[in-house]
Amino acid sequence: MKIAISATGKTKEDLMDMRFGRCEYFQIHDTKSGEVTILENKGQNANGGAGIASSNQLIDEEVDVIITGNLGPNAFELIQKAEIKAYKSGNIAINSVLKKYDASELEEIKISGPANHGGNR
């Protein structure tokens, strides 16, 4: 299983980024192989459609799960259509996010948050 987490940095000690479309990095943790892939978020500097660009990037990576803070309506719709599960976590270290996911302590995102329209950069 591939788990993508919106992140402020490249290590498990870095914090999860509450922003999805504007996060700096995505950390993709493969639970089968133990590999971690770091991606620069293609949507972070977009004038508009950051969530769409970020969603498409993770769909292309064939992730199974996304853990973030909030998903705007367009990102939520794309992720839902791709049958990717999305979960919400707080602004905590990535290793803690993974532990909470393994313990089934994260809330599934079932509705979108508000659209940011280029905000929160």
PDB file of N, CA and C in Angstrom:
ATOM      1  N   MET A   1       0.845  -1.181   0.000  1.00  0.00           N
ATOM      2  CA  MET A   1       0.000   0.000   0.000  1.00  0.00           C
ATOM      3  C   MET A   1       0.888   1.241   0.000  1.00  0.00           C
ATOM      4  N   LYS A   2       0.491   2.218  -0.802  1.00  0.00           N
ATOM      5  CA  LYS A   2       1.234   3.475  -0.867  1.00  0.00           C
ATOM      6  C   LYS A   2       0.433   4.569  -0.167  1.00  0.00           C
ATOM      7  N   ILE A   3       1.058   5.159   0.851  1.00  0.00           N
ATOM      8  CA  ILE A   3       0.428   6.208   1.652  1.00  0.00           C
ATOM      9  C   ILE A   3       1.139   7.528   1.368  1.00  0.00           C
ATOM     10  N   ALA A   4       0.411   8.516   0.852  1.00  0.00           N
ATOM     11  CA  ALA A   4       0.970   9.845   0.577  1.00  0.00           C
ATOM     12  C   ALA A   4       0.577  10.796   1.700  1.00  0.00           C
ATOM     13  N   ILE A   5       1.571  11.535   2.198  1.00  0.00           N
ATOM     14  CA  ILE A   5       1.337  12.486   3.291  1.00  0.00           C
ATOM     15  C   ILE A   5       1.838  13.859   2.857  1.00  0.00           C
ATOM     16  N   SER A   6       1.002  14.883   3.003  1.00  0.00           N
ATOM     17  CA  SER A   6       1.453  16.251   2.718  1.00  0.00           C
ATOM     18  C   SER A   6       2.439  16.645   3.817  1.00  0.00           C
ATOM     19  N   ALA A   7       3.613  17.120   3.403  1.00  0.00           N
ATOM     20  CA  ALA A   7       4.694  17.308   4.373  1.00  0.00           C
ATOM     21  C   ALA A   7       5.407  18.642   4.205  1.00  0.00           C
ATOM     22  N   THR A   8       5.970  19.112   5.333  1.00  0.00           N
ATOM     23  CA  THR A   8       6.768  20.342   5.317  1.00  0.00           C
ATOM     24  C   THR A   8       8.225  20.055   4.970  1.00  0.00           C
ATOM     25  N   GLY A   9       8.636  18.793   5.027  1.00  0.00           N
ATOM     26  CA  GLY A   9      10.024  18.430   4.763  1.00  0.00           C
ATOM     27  C   GLY A   9      10.143  17.006   4.252  1.00  0.00           C
ATOM     28  N   LYS A  10      11.388  16.509   4.243  1.00  0.00           N
ATOM     29  CA  LYS A  10      11.691  15.240   3.592  1.00  0.00           C
ATOM     30  C   LYS A  10      11.922  14.071   4.545  1.00  0.00           C
ATOM     31  N   THR A  11      11.815  14.297   5.859  1.00  0.00           N
ATOM     32  CA  THR A  11      12.088  13.216   6.810  1.00  0.00           C
ATOM     33  C   THR A  11      10.842  12.884   7.626  1.00  0.00           C
ATOM     34  N   LYS A  12      10.886  11.741   8.309  1.00  0.00           N
ATOM     35  CA  LYS A  12       9.764  11.336   9.163  1.00  0.00           C
ATOM     36  C   LYS A  12       9.635  12.236  10.385  1.00  0.00           C
ATOM     37  N   GLU A  13      10.689  12.982  10.695  1.00  0.00           N
ATOM     38  CA  GLU A  13      10.646  13.897  11.841  1.00  0.00           C
ATOM     39  C   GLU A  13      10.004  15.233  11.476  1.00  0.00           C
ATOM     40  N   ASP A  14       9.922  15.530  10.177  1.00  0.00           N
ATOM     41  CA  ASP A  14       9.281  16.773   9.736  1.00  0.00           C
ATOM     42  C   ASP A  14       7.781  16.693   9.980  1.00  0.00           C
ATOM     43  N   LEU A  15       7.150  17.860  10.040  1.00  0.00           N
ATOM     44  CA  LEU A  15       5.717  17.930  10.324  1.00  0.00           C
ATOM     45  C   LEU A  15       4.874  17.684   9.081  1.00  0.00           C
ATOM     46  N   MET A  16       3.694  17.131   9.310  1.00  0.00           N
ATOM     47  CA  MET A  16       2.717  17.049   8.244  1.00  0.00           C
ATOM     48  C   MET A  16       2.257  18.473   7.943  1.00  0.00           C
ATOM     49  N   ASP A  17       2.062  18.778   6.674  1.00  0.00           N
ATOM     50  CA  ASP A  17       1.555  20.085   6.259  1.00  0.00           C
ATOM     51  C   ASP A  17       0.035  19.993   6.172  1.00  0.00           C
ATOM     52  N   MET A  18      -0.654  20.887   6.849  1.00  0.00           N
ATOM     53  CA  MET A  18      -2.118  20.884   6.852  1.00  0.00           C
ATOM     54  C   MET A  18      -2.690  21.234   5.473  1.00  0.00           C
ATOM     55  N   ARG A  19      -1.882  21.887   4.658  1.00  0.00           N
ATOM     56  CA  ARG A  19      -2.325  22.275   3.314  1.00  0.00           C
ATOM     57  C   ARG A  19      -2.069  21.113   2.356  1.00  0.00           C
ATOM     58  N   PHE A  20      -3.002  20.824   1.497  1.00  0.00           N
ATOM     59  CA  PHE A  20      -2.811  19.774   0.497  1.00  0.00           C
ATOM     60  C   PHE A  20      -2.210  20.363  -0.778  1.00  0.00           C
ATOM     61  N   GLY A  21      -2.937  21.229  -1.435  1.00  0.00           N
ATOM     62  CA  GLY A  21      -2.490  21.778  -2.709  1.00  0.00           C
ATOM     63  C   GLY A  21      -1.262  22.662  -2.620  1.00  0.00           C
ATOM     64  N   ARG A  22      -0.992  23.231  -1.466  1.00  0.00           N
ATOM     65  CA  ARG A  22       0.131  24.156  -1.296  1.00  0.00           C
ATOM     66  C   ARG A  22       1.265  23.599  -0.436  1.00  0.00           C
ATOM     67  N   CYS A  23       1.205  22.319  -0.082  1.00  0.00           N
ATOM     68  CA  CYS A  23       2.314  21.759   0.711  1.00  0.00           C
ATOM     69  C   CYS A  23       3.582  21.735  -0.144  1.00  0.00           C
ATOM     70  N   GLU A  24       4.741  21.730   0.513  1.00  0.00           N
ATOM     71  CA  GLU A  24       6.004  21.693  -0.231  1.00  0.00           C
ATOM     72  C   GLU A  24       6.295  20.320  -0.812  1.00  0.00           C
ATOM     73  N   TYR A  25       6.036  19.291  -0.011  1.00  0.00           N
ATOM     74  CA  TYR A  25       6.401  17.931  -0.404  1.00  0.00           C
ATOM     75  C   TYR A  25       5.264  16.959  -0.154  1.00  0.00           C
ATOM     76  N   PHE A  26       5.332  15.850  -0.867  1.00  0.00           N
ATOM     77  CA  PHE A  26       4.559  14.666  -0.531  1.00  0.00           C
ATOM     78  C   PHE A  26       5.556  13.572  -0.198  1.00  0.00           C
ATOM     79  N   GLN A  27       5.363  12.956   0.950  1.00  0.00           N
ATOM     80  CA  GLN A  27       6.132  11.769   1.296  1.00  0.00           C
ATOM     81  C   GLN A  27       5.240  10.577   0.987  1.00  0.00           C
ATOM     82  N   ILE A  28       5.738   9.662   0.166  1.00  0.00           N
ATOM     83  CA  ILE A  28       4.980   8.458  -0.163  1.00  0.00           C
ATOM     84  C   ILE A  28       5.661   7.279   0.508  1.00  0.00           C
ATOM     85  N   HIS A  29       4.947   6.672   1.440  1.00  0.00           N
ATOM     86  CA  HIS A  29       5.466   5.542   2.215  1.00  0.00           C
ATOM     87  C   HIS A  29       4.832   4.263   1.682  1.00  0.00           C
ATOM     88  N   ASP A  30       5.674   3.360   1.153  1.00  0.00           N
ATOM     89  CA  ASP A  30       5.207   2.076   0.641  1.00  0.00           C
ATOM     90  C   ASP A  30       5.275   1.060   1.771  1.00  0.00           C
ATOM     91  N   THR A  31       4.128   0.600   2.232  1.00  0.00           N
ATOM     92  CA  THR A  31       4.098  -0.294   3.393  1.00  0.00           C
ATOM     93  C   THR A  31       4.604  -1.697   3.060  1.00  0.00           C
ATOM     94  N   LYS A  32       4.599  -2.079   1.788  1.00  0.00           N
ATOM     95  CA  LYS A  32       5.094  -3.406   1.398  1.00  0.00           C
ATOM     96  C   LYS A  32       6.614  -3.440   1.333  1.00  0.00           C
ATOM     97  N   SER A  33       7.194  -2.463   0.636  1.00  0.00           N
ATOM     98  CA  SER A  33       8.646  -2.464   0.424  1.00  0.00           C
ATOM     99  C   SER A  33       9.407  -1.697   1.500  1.00  0.00           C
ATOM    100  N   GLY A  34       8.708  -0.814   2.221  1.00  0.00           N
ATOM    101  CA  GLY A  34       9.373   0.036   3.204  1.00  0.00           C
ATOM    102  C   GLY A  34      10.032   1.262   2.584  1.00  0.00           C
ATOM    103  N   GLU A  35       9.930   1.400   1.269  1.00  0.00           N
ATOM    104  CA  GLU A  35      10.535   2.546   0.579  1.00  0.00           C
ATOM    105  C   GLU A  35       9.761   3.828   0.862  1.00  0.00           C
ATOM    106  N   VAL A  36      10.505   4.928   0.890  1.00  0.00           N
ATOM    107  CA  VAL A  36       9.899   6.250   1.027  1.00  0.00           C
ATOM    108  C   VAL A  36      10.328   7.076  -0.181  1.00  0.00           C
ATOM    109  N   THR A  37       9.360   7.626  -0.884  1.00  0.00           N
ATOM    110  CA  THR A  37       9.626   8.476  -2.039  1.00  0.00           C
ATOM    111  C   THR A  37       9.223   9.898  -1.669  1.00  0.00           C
ATOM    112  N   ILE A  38      10.105  10.853  -1.962  1.00  0.00           N
ATOM    113  CA  ILE A  38       9.822  12.267  -1.693  1.00  0.00           C
ATOM    114  C   ILE A  38       9.545  12.962  -3.023  1.00  0.00           C
ATOM    115  N   LEU A  39       8.397  13.604  -3.108  1.00  0.00           N
ATOM    116  CA  LEU A  39       8.040  14.359  -4.309  1.00  0.00           C
ATOM    117  C   LEU A  39       7.872  15.825  -3.964  1.00  0.00           C
ATOM    118  N   GLU A  40       8.434  16.694  -4.811  1.00  0.00           N
ATOM    119  CA  GLU A  40       8.097  18.114  -4.685  1.00  0.00           C
ATOM    120  C   GLU A  40       6.692  18.273  -5.239  1.00  0.00           C
ATOM    121  N   ASN A  41       5.855  18.986  -4.527  1.00  0.00           N
ATOM    122  CA  ASN A  41       4.471  19.184  -4.943  1.00  0.00           C
ATOM    123  C   ASN A  41       4.421  20.109  -6.152  1.00  0.00           C
ATOM    124  N   LYS A  42       3.928  19.597  -7.268  1.00  0.00           N
ATOM    125  CA  LYS A  42       3.835  20.386  -8.498  1.00  0.00           C
ATOM    126  C   LYS A  42       2.819  21.521  -8.390  1.00  0.00           C
ATOM    127  N   GLY A  43       1.875  21.411  -7.472  1.00  0.00           N
ATOM    128  CA  GLY A  43       0.831  22.419  -7.358  1.00  0.00           C
ATOM    129  C   GLY A  43       1.146  23.572  -6.433  1.00  0.00           C
ATOM    130  N   GLN A  44       2.237  23.484  -5.667  1.00  0.00           N
ATOM    131  CA  GLN A  44       2.459  24.457  -4.593  1.00  0.00           C
ATOM    132  C   GLN A  44       2.560  25.902  -5.051  1.00  0.00           C
ATOM    133  N   ASN A  45       3.053  26.145  -6.253  1.00  0.00           N
ATOM    134  CA  ASN A  45       3.214  27.525  -6.717  1.00  0.00           C
ATOM    135  C   ASN A  45       2.232  27.911  -7.820  1.00  0.00           C
ATOM    136  N   ALA A  46       1.227  27.085  -8.043  1.00  0.00           N
ATOM    137  CA  ALA A  46       0.242  27.366  -9.091  1.00  0.00           C
ATOM    138  C   ALA A  46      -0.576  28.606  -8.730  1.00  0.00           C
ATOM    139  N   ASN A  47      -0.921  29.389  -9.744  1.00  0.00           N
ATOM    140  CA  ASN A  47      -1.775  30.560  -9.514  1.00  0.00           C
ATOM    141  C   ASN A  47      -3.187  30.142  -9.146  1.00  0.00           C
ATOM    142  N   GLY A  48      -3.616  29.033  -9.663  1.00  0.00           N
ATOM    143  CA  GLY A  48      -4.930  28.466  -9.364  1.00  0.00           C
ATOM    144  C   GLY A  48      -4.878  26.981  -9.660  1.00  0.00           C
ATOM    145  N   GLY A  49      -5.801  26.229  -9.121  1.00  0.00           N
ATOM    146  CA  GLY A  49      -5.846  24.797  -9.390  1.00  0.00           C
ATOM    147  C   GLY A  49      -4.763  23.984  -8.714  1.00  0.00           C
ATOM    148  N   ALA A  50      -4.246  24.487  -7.582  1.00  0.00           N
ATOM    149  CA  ALA A  50      -3.177  23.774  -6.880  1.00  0.00           C
ATOM    150  C   ALA A  50      -3.635  22.393  -6.430  1.00  0.00           C
ATOM    151  N   GLY A  51      -4.842  22.299  -5.916  1.00  0.00           N
ATOM    152  CA  GLY A  51      -5.361  21.015  -5.453  1.00  0.00           C
ATOM    153  C   GLY A  51      -5.530  20.019  -6.586  1.00  0.00           C
ATOM    154  N   ILE A  52      -5.928  20.519  -7.756  1.00  0.00           N
ATOM    155  CA  ILE A  52      -6.094  19.659  -8.930  1.00  0.00           C
ATOM    156  C   ILE A  52      -4.737  19.112  -9.361  1.00  0.00           C
ATOM    157  N   ALA A  53      -3.727  19.990  -9.451  1.00  0.00           N
ATOM    158  CA  ALA A  53      -2.381  19.555  -9.843  1.00  0.00           C
ATOM    159  C   ALA A  53      -1.824  18.540  -8.852  1.00  0.00           C
ATOM    160  N   SER A  54      -2.018  18.803  -7.569  1.00  0.00           N
ATOM    161  CA  SER A  54      -1.518  17.899  -6.533  1.00  0.00           C
ATOM    162  C   SER A  54      -2.230  16.551  -6.594  1.00  0.00           C
ATOM    163  N   SER A  55      -3.535  16.581  -6.783  1.00  0.00           N
ATOM    164  CA  SER A  55      -4.312  15.340  -6.883  1.00  0.00           C
ATOM    165  C   SER A  55      -3.846  14.501  -8.062  1.00  0.00           C
ATOM    166  N   ASN A  56      -3.703  15.140  -9.215  1.00  0.00           N
ATOM    167  CA  ASN A  56      -3.259  14.414 -10.408  1.00  0.00           C
ATOM    168  C   ASN A  56      -1.864  13.828 -10.227  1.00  0.00           C
ATOM    169  N   GLN A  57      -0.992  14.555  -9.548  1.00  0.00           N
ATOM    170  CA  GLN A  57       0.358  14.058  -9.284  1.00  0.00           C
ATOM    171  C   GLN A  57       0.299  12.763  -8.461  1.00  0.00           C
ATOM    172  N   LEU A  58      -0.536  12.739  -7.442  1.00  0.00           N
ATOM    173  CA  LEU A  58      -0.631  11.552  -6.588  1.00  0.00           C
ATOM    174  C   LEU A  58      -1.400  10.417  -7.262  1.00  0.00           C
ATOM    175  N   ILE A  59      -2.370  10.749  -8.099  1.00  0.00           N
ATOM    176  CA  ILE A  59      -3.063   9.717  -8.881  1.00  0.00           C
ATOM    177  C   ILE A  59      -2.059   9.044  -9.814  1.00  0.00           C
ATOM    178  N   ASP A  60      -1.185   9.838 -10.455  1.00  0.00           N
ATOM    179  CA  ASP A  60      -0.145   9.283 -11.334  1.00  0.00           C
ATOM    180  C   ASP A  60       0.816   8.371 -10.581  1.00  0.00           C
ATOM    181  N   GLU A  61       1.027   8.645  -9.304  1.00  0.00           N
ATOM    182  CA  GLU A  61       1.915   7.821  -8.470  1.00  0.00           C
ATOM    183  C   GLU A  61       1.209   6.562  -7.943  1.00  0.00           C
ATOM    184  N   GLU A  62      -0.078   6.442  -8.254  1.00  0.00           N
ATOM    185  CA  GLU A  62      -0.886   5.281  -7.865  1.00  0.00           C
ATOM    186  C   GLU A  62      -0.900   5.045  -6.354  1.00  0.00           C
ATOM    187  N   VAL A  63      -1.109   6.137  -5.605  1.00  0.00           N
ATOM    188  CA  VAL A  63      -1.205   5.998  -4.146  1.00  0.00           C
ATOM    189  C   VAL A  63      -2.574   5.428  -3.779  1.00  0.00           C
ATOM    190  N   ASP A  64      -2.629   4.768  -2.634  1.00  0.00           N
ATOM    191  CA  ASP A  64      -3.868   4.166  -2.143  1.00  0.00           C
ATOM    192  C   ASP A  64      -4.548   5.037  -1.096  1.00  0.00           C
ATOM    193  N   VAL A  65      -3.730   5.819  -0.368  1.00  0.00           N
ATOM    194  CA  VAL A  65      -4.214   6.619   0.755  1.00  0.00           C
ATOM    195  C   VAL A  65      -3.520   7.976   0.733  1.00  0.00           C
ATOM    196  N   ILE A  66      -4.260   9.023   1.061  1.00  0.00           N
ATOM    197  CA  ILE A  66      -3.690  10.361   1.242  1.00  0.00           C
ATOM    198  C   ILE A  66      -4.013  10.807   2.661  1.00  0.00           C
ATOM    199  N   ILE A  67      -2.995  11.330   3.351  1.00  0.00           N
ATOM    200  CA  ILE A  67      -3.203  11.903   4.682  1.00  0.00           C
ATOM    201  C   ILE A  67      -2.772  13.360   4.621  1.00  0.00           C
ATOM    202  N   THR A  68      -3.675  14.251   5.008  1.00  0.00           N
ATOM    203  CA  THR A  68      -3.432  15.687   4.914  1.00  0.00           C
ATOM    204  C   THR A  68      -4.298  16.395   5.955  1.00  0.00           C
ATOM    205  N   GLY A  69      -4.362  17.708   5.853  1.00  0.00           N
ATOM    206  CA  GLY A  69      -5.221  18.467   6.749  1.00  0.00           C
ATOM    207  C   GLY A  69      -6.591  18.688   6.142  1.00  0.00           C
ATOM    208  N   ASN A  70      -6.612  19.312   4.978  1.00  0.00           N
ATOM    209  CA  ASN A  70      -7.866  19.644   4.309  1.00  0.00           C
ATOM    210  C   ASN A  70      -7.752  19.409   2.815  1.00  0.00           C
ATOM    211  N   LEU A  71      -8.869  19.053   2.200  1.00  0.00           N
ATOM    212  CA  LEU A  71      -8.961  18.911   0.746  1.00  0.00           C
ATOM    213  C   LEU A  71     -10.041  19.850   0.246  1.00  0.00           C
ATOM    214  N   GLY A  72      -9.690  20.691  -0.724  1.00  0.00           N
ATOM    215  CA  GLY A  72     -10.691  21.548  -1.345  1.00  0.00           C
ATOM    216  C   GLY A  72     -11.627  20.716  -2.210  1.00  0.00           C
ATOM    217  N   PRO A  73     -12.709  21.320  -2.703  1.00  0.00           N
ATOM    218  CA  PRO A  73     -13.718  20.568  -3.444  1.00  0.00           C
ATOM    219  C   PRO A  73     -13.209  19.886  -4.712  1.00  0.00           C
ATOM    220  N   ASN A  74     -12.353  20.549  -5.479  1.00  0.00           N
ATOM    221  CA  ASN A  74     -11.852  19.947  -6.719  1.00  0.00           C
ATOM    222  C   ASN A  74     -10.913  18.781  -6.437  1.00  0.00           C
ATOM    223  N   ALA A  75     -10.016  18.958  -5.483  1.00  0.00           N
ATOM    224  CA  ALA A  75      -9.102  17.878  -5.104  1.00  0.00           C
ATOM    225  C   ALA A  75      -9.890  16.701  -4.539  1.00  0.00           C
ATOM    226  N   PHE A  76     -10.854  16.994  -3.686  1.00  0.00           N
ATOM    227  CA  PHE A  76     -11.669  15.944  -3.077  1.00  0.00           C
ATOM    228  C   PHE A  76     -12.382  15.123  -4.151  1.00  0.00           C
ATOM    229  N   GLU A  77     -12.957  15.805  -5.130  1.00  0.00           N
ATOM    230  CA  GLU A  77     -13.692  15.114  -6.199  1.00  0.00           C
ATOM    231  C   GLU A  77     -12.770  14.199  -7.008  1.00  0.00           C
ATOM    232  N   LEU A  78     -11.593  14.696  -7.378  1.00  0.00           N
ATOM    233  CA  LEU A  78     -10.646  13.878  -8.147  1.00  0.00           C
ATOM    234  C   LEU A  78     -10.191  12.655  -7.358  1.00  0.00           C
ATOM    235  N   ILE A  79      -9.887  12.858  -6.099  1.00  0.00           N
ATOM    236  CA  ILE A  79      -9.407  11.765  -5.252  1.00  0.00           C
ATOM    237  C   ILE A  79     -10.513  10.733  -5.043  1.00  0.00           C
ATOM    238  N   GLN A  80     -11.723  11.207  -4.861  1.00  0.00           N
ATOM    239  CA  GLN A  80     -12.857  10.298  -4.682  1.00  0.00           C
ATOM    240  C   GLN A  80     -13.093   9.470  -5.950  1.00  0.00           C
ATOM    241  N   LYS A  81     -13.030  10.116  -7.120  1.00  0.00           N
ATOM    242  CA  LYS A  81     -13.222   9.409  -8.394  1.00  0.00           C
ATOM    243  C   LYS A  81     -12.127   8.369  -8.623  1.00  0.00           C
ATOM    244  N   ALA A  82     -10.922   8.646  -8.137  1.00  0.00           N
ATOM    245  CA  ALA A  82      -9.796   7.716  -8.284  1.00  0.00           C
ATOM    246  C   ALA A  82      -9.832   6.608  -7.229  1.00  0.00           C
ATOM    247  N   GLU A  83     -10.841   6.658  -6.360  1.00  0.00           N
ATOM    248  CA  GLU A  83     -11.020   5.666  -5.293  1.00  0.00           C
ATOM    249  C   GLU A  83      -9.827   5.601  -4.336  1.00  0.00           C
ATOM    250  N   ILE A  84      -9.275   6.781  -4.054  1.00  0.00           N
ATOM    251  CA  ILE A  84      -8.197   6.911  -3.069  1.00  0.00           C
ATOM    252  C   ILE A  84      -8.836   7.341  -1.752  1.00  0.00           C
ATOM    253  N   LYS A  85      -8.512   6.660  -0.682  1.00  0.00           N
ATOM    254  CA  LYS A  85      -9.019   7.030   0.648  1.00  0.00           C
ATOM    255  C   LYS A  85      -8.227   8.238   1.146  1.00  0.00           C
ATOM    256  N   ALA A  86      -8.893   9.167   1.788  1.00  0.00           N
ATOM    257  CA  ALA A  86      -8.228  10.348   2.345  1.00  0.00           C
ATOM    258  C   ALA A  86      -8.540  10.441   3.832  1.00  0.00           C
ATOM    259  N   TYR A  87      -7.507  10.773   4.608  1.00  0.00           N
ATOM    260  CA  TYR A  87      -7.645  10.888   6.056  1.00  0.00           C
ATOM    261  C   TYR A  87      -7.086  12.218   6.517  1.00  0.00           C
ATOM    262  N   LYS A  88      -7.623  12.704   7.628  1.00  0.00           N
ATOM    263  CA  LYS A  88      -7.223  13.988   8.210  1.00  0.00           C
ATOM    264  C   LYS A  88      -6.346  13.736   9.427  1.00  0.00           C
ATOM    265  N   SER A  89      -5.280  14.530   9.529  1.00  0.00           N
ATOM    266  CA  SER A  89      -4.420  14.471  10.712  1.00  0.00           C
ATOM    267  C   SER A  89      -4.077  15.890  11.126  1.00  0.00           C
ATOM    268  N   GLY A  90      -3.489  16.022  12.289  1.00  0.00           N
ATOM    269  CA  GLY A  90      -3.053  17.320  12.779  1.00  0.00           C
ATOM    270  C   GLY A  90      -1.634  17.627  12.333  1.00  0.00           C
ATOM    271  N   ASN A  91      -1.157  18.767  12.727  1.00  0.00           N
ATOM    272  CA  ASN A  91       0.177  19.256  12.375  1.00  0.00           C
ATOM    273  C   ASN A  91       1.213  18.609  13.301  1.00  0.00           C
ATOM    274  N   ILE A  92       1.450  17.301  13.076  1.00  0.00           N
ATOM    275  CA  ILE A  92       2.373  16.526  13.913  1.00  0.00           C
ATOM    276  C   ILE A  92       3.431  15.879  13.028  1.00  0.00           C
ATOM    277  N   ALA A  93       4.459  15.302  13.638  1.00  0.00           N
ATOM    278  CA  ALA A  93       5.540  14.662  12.891  1.00  0.00           C
ATOM    279  C   ALA A  93       4.998  13.508  12.047  1.00  0.00           C
ATOM    280  N   ILE A  94       5.596  13.316  10.877  1.00  0.00           N
ATOM    281  CA  ILE A  94       5.164  12.276   9.947  1.00  0.00           C
ATOM    282  C   ILE A  94       5.180  10.898  10.607  1.00  0.00           C
ATOM    283  N   ASN A  95       6.214  10.604  11.413  1.00  0.00           N
ATOM    284  CA  ASN A  95       6.250   9.286  12.064  1.00  0.00           C
ATOM    285  C   ASN A  95       5.047   9.103  12.992  1.00  0.00           C
ATOM    286  N   SER A  96       4.588  10.161  13.633  1.00  0.00           N
ATOM    287  CA  SER A  96       3.390  10.089  14.481  1.00  0.00           C
ATOM    288  C   SER A  96       2.126   9.918  13.641  1.00  0.00           C
ATOM    289  N   VAL A  97       2.089  10.563  12.489  1.00  0.00           N
ATOM    290  CA  VAL A  97       0.953  10.411  11.567  1.00  0.00           C
ATOM    291  C   VAL A  97       0.823   8.945  11.156  1.00  0.00           C
ATOM    292  N   LEU A  98       1.953   8.331  10.797  1.00  0.00           N
ATOM    293  CA  LEU A  98       1.935   6.928  10.373  1.00  0.00           C
ATOM    294  C   LEU A  98       1.486   6.002  11.503  1.00  0.00           C
ATOM    295  N   LYS A  99       1.934   6.284  12.715  1.00  0.00           N
ATOM    296  CA  LYS A  99       1.507   5.474  13.869  1.00  0.00           C
ATOM    297  C   LYS A  99       0.001   5.597  14.085  1.00  0.00           C
ATOM    298  N   LYS A 100      -0.516   6.819  13.970  1.00  0.00           N
ATOM    299  CA  LYS A 100      -1.960   7.028  14.139  1.00  0.00           C
ATOM    300  C   LYS A 100      -2.746   6.316  13.029  1.00  0.00           C
ATOM    301  N   TYR A 101      -2.214   6.341  11.814  1.00  0.00           N
ATOM    302  CA  TYR A 101      -2.883   5.634  10.716  1.00  0.00           C
ATOM    303  C   TYR A 101      -2.907   4.129  10.999  1.00  0.00           C
ATOM    304  N   ASP A 102      -1.768   3.573  11.387  1.00  0.00           N
ATOM    305  CA  ASP A 102      -1.682   2.136  11.691  1.00  0.00           C
ATOM    306  C   ASP A 102      -2.632   1.733  12.814  1.00  0.00           C
ATOM    307  N   ALA A 103      -2.860   2.638  13.757  1.00  0.00           N
ATOM    308  CA  ALA A 103      -3.747   2.359  14.895  1.00  0.00           C
ATOM    309  C   ALA A 103      -5.214   2.719  14.593  1.00  0.00           C
ATOM    310  N   SER A 104      -5.505   3.074  13.339  1.00  0.00           N
ATOM    311  CA  SER A 104      -6.863   3.470  12.913  1.00  0.00           C
ATOM    312  C   SER A 104      -7.410   4.637  13.726  1.00  0.00           C
ATOM    313  N   GLU A 105      -6.528   5.601  14.044  1.00  0.00           N
ATOM    314  CA  GLU A 105      -6.923   6.757  14.851  1.00  0.00           C
ATOM    315  C   GLU A 105      -7.179   8.023  14.032  1.00  0.00           C
ATOM    316  N   LEU A 106      -7.082   7.929  12.700  1.00  0.00           N
ATOM    317  CA  LEU A 106      -7.306   9.106  11.862  1.00  0.00           C
ATOM    318  C   LEU A 106      -8.730   9.101  11.315  1.00  0.00           C
ATOM    319  N   GLU A 107      -9.280  10.296  11.186  1.00  0.00           N
ATOM    320  CA  GLU A 107     -10.640  10.465  10.670  1.00  0.00           C
ATOM    321  C   GLU A 107     -10.615  10.486   9.146  1.00  0.00           C
ATOM    322  N   GLU A 108     -11.479   9.688   8.530  1.00  0.00           N
ATOM    323  CA  GLU A 108     -11.576   9.696   7.078  1.00  0.00           C
ATOM    324  C   GLU A 108     -12.219  11.009   6.629  1.00  0.00           C
ATOM    325  N   ILE A 109     -11.690  11.592   5.556  1.00  0.00           N
ATOM    326  CA  ILE A 109     -12.259  12.817   4.987  1.00  0.00           C
ATOM    327  C   ILE A 109     -13.398  12.395   4.067  1.00  0.00           C
ATOM    328  N   LYS A 110     -14.622  12.751   4.446  1.00  0.00           N
ATOM    329  CA  LYS A 110     -15.796  12.336   3.678  1.00  0.00           C
ATOM    330  C   LYS A 110     -16.481  13.490   2.965  1.00  0.00           C
ATOM    331  N   ILE A 111     -16.093  14.723   3.310  1.00  0.00           N
ATOM    332  CA  ILE A 111     -16.596  15.904   2.610  1.00  0.00           C
ATOM    333  C   ILE A 111     -15.425  16.860   2.402  1.00  0.00           C
ATOM    334  N   SER A 112     -15.524  17.674   1.363  1.00  0.00           N
ATOM    335  CA  SER A 112     -14.430  18.607   1.084  1.00  0.00           C
ATOM    336  C   SER A 112     -14.460  19.782   2.043  1.00  0.00           C
ATOM    337  N   GLY A 113     -13.309  20.395   2.183  1.00  0.00           N
ATOM    338  CA  GLY A 113     -13.212  21.650   2.905  1.00  0.00           C
ATOM    339  C   GLY A 113     -13.462  22.784   1.923  1.00  0.00           C
ATOM    340  N   PRO A 114     -13.299  24.026   2.360  1.00  0.00           N
ATOM    341  CA  PRO A 114     -13.509  25.164   1.463  1.00  0.00           C
ATOM    342  C   PRO A 114     -12.385  25.282   0.444  1.00  0.00           C
ATOM    343  N   ALA A 115     -12.695  25.861  -0.701  1.00  0.00           N
ATOM    344  CA  ALA A 115     -11.679  26.144  -1.716  1.00  0.00           C
ATOM    345  C   ALA A 115     -10.837  27.322  -1.242  1.00  0.00           C
ATOM    346  N   ASN A 116      -9.527  27.275  -1.515  1.00  0.00           N
ATOM    347  CA  ASN A 116      -8.645  28.361  -1.086  1.00  0.00           C
ATOM    348  C   ASN A 116      -8.377  29.386  -2.176  1.00  0.00           C
ATOM    349  N   HIS A 117      -8.510  29.021  -3.428  1.00  0.00           N
ATOM    350  CA  HIS A 117      -8.306  29.943  -4.551  1.00  0.00           C
ATOM    351  C   HIS A 117      -7.001  30.724  -4.450  1.00  0.00           C
ATOM    352  N   GLY A 118      -5.901  29.996  -4.358  1.00  0.00           N
ATOM    353  CA  GLY A 118      -4.588  30.625  -4.368  1.00  0.00           C
ATOM    354  C   GLY A 118      -4.135  31.154  -3.030  1.00  0.00           C
ATOM    355  N   GLY A 119      -4.872  30.929  -1.984  1.00  0.00           N
ATOM    356  CA  GLY A 119      -4.487  31.423  -0.663  1.00  0.00           C
ATOM    357  C   GLY A 119      -3.565  30.471   0.072  1.00  0.00           C
ATOM    358  N   ASN A 120      -3.157  30.878   1.254  1.00  0.00           N
ATOM    359  CA  ASN A 120      -2.323  30.058   2.147  1.00  0.00           C
ATOM    360  C   ASN A 120      -0.986  29.664   1.549  1.00  0.00           C
ATOM    361  N   ARG A 121      -0.366  30.542   0.797  1.00  0.00           N
ATOM    362  CA  ARG A 121       0.948  30.220   0.235  1.00  0.00           C
ATOM    363  C   ARG A 121       2.012  30.452   1.245  1.00  0.00           C
TER     364      ARG A 121
END
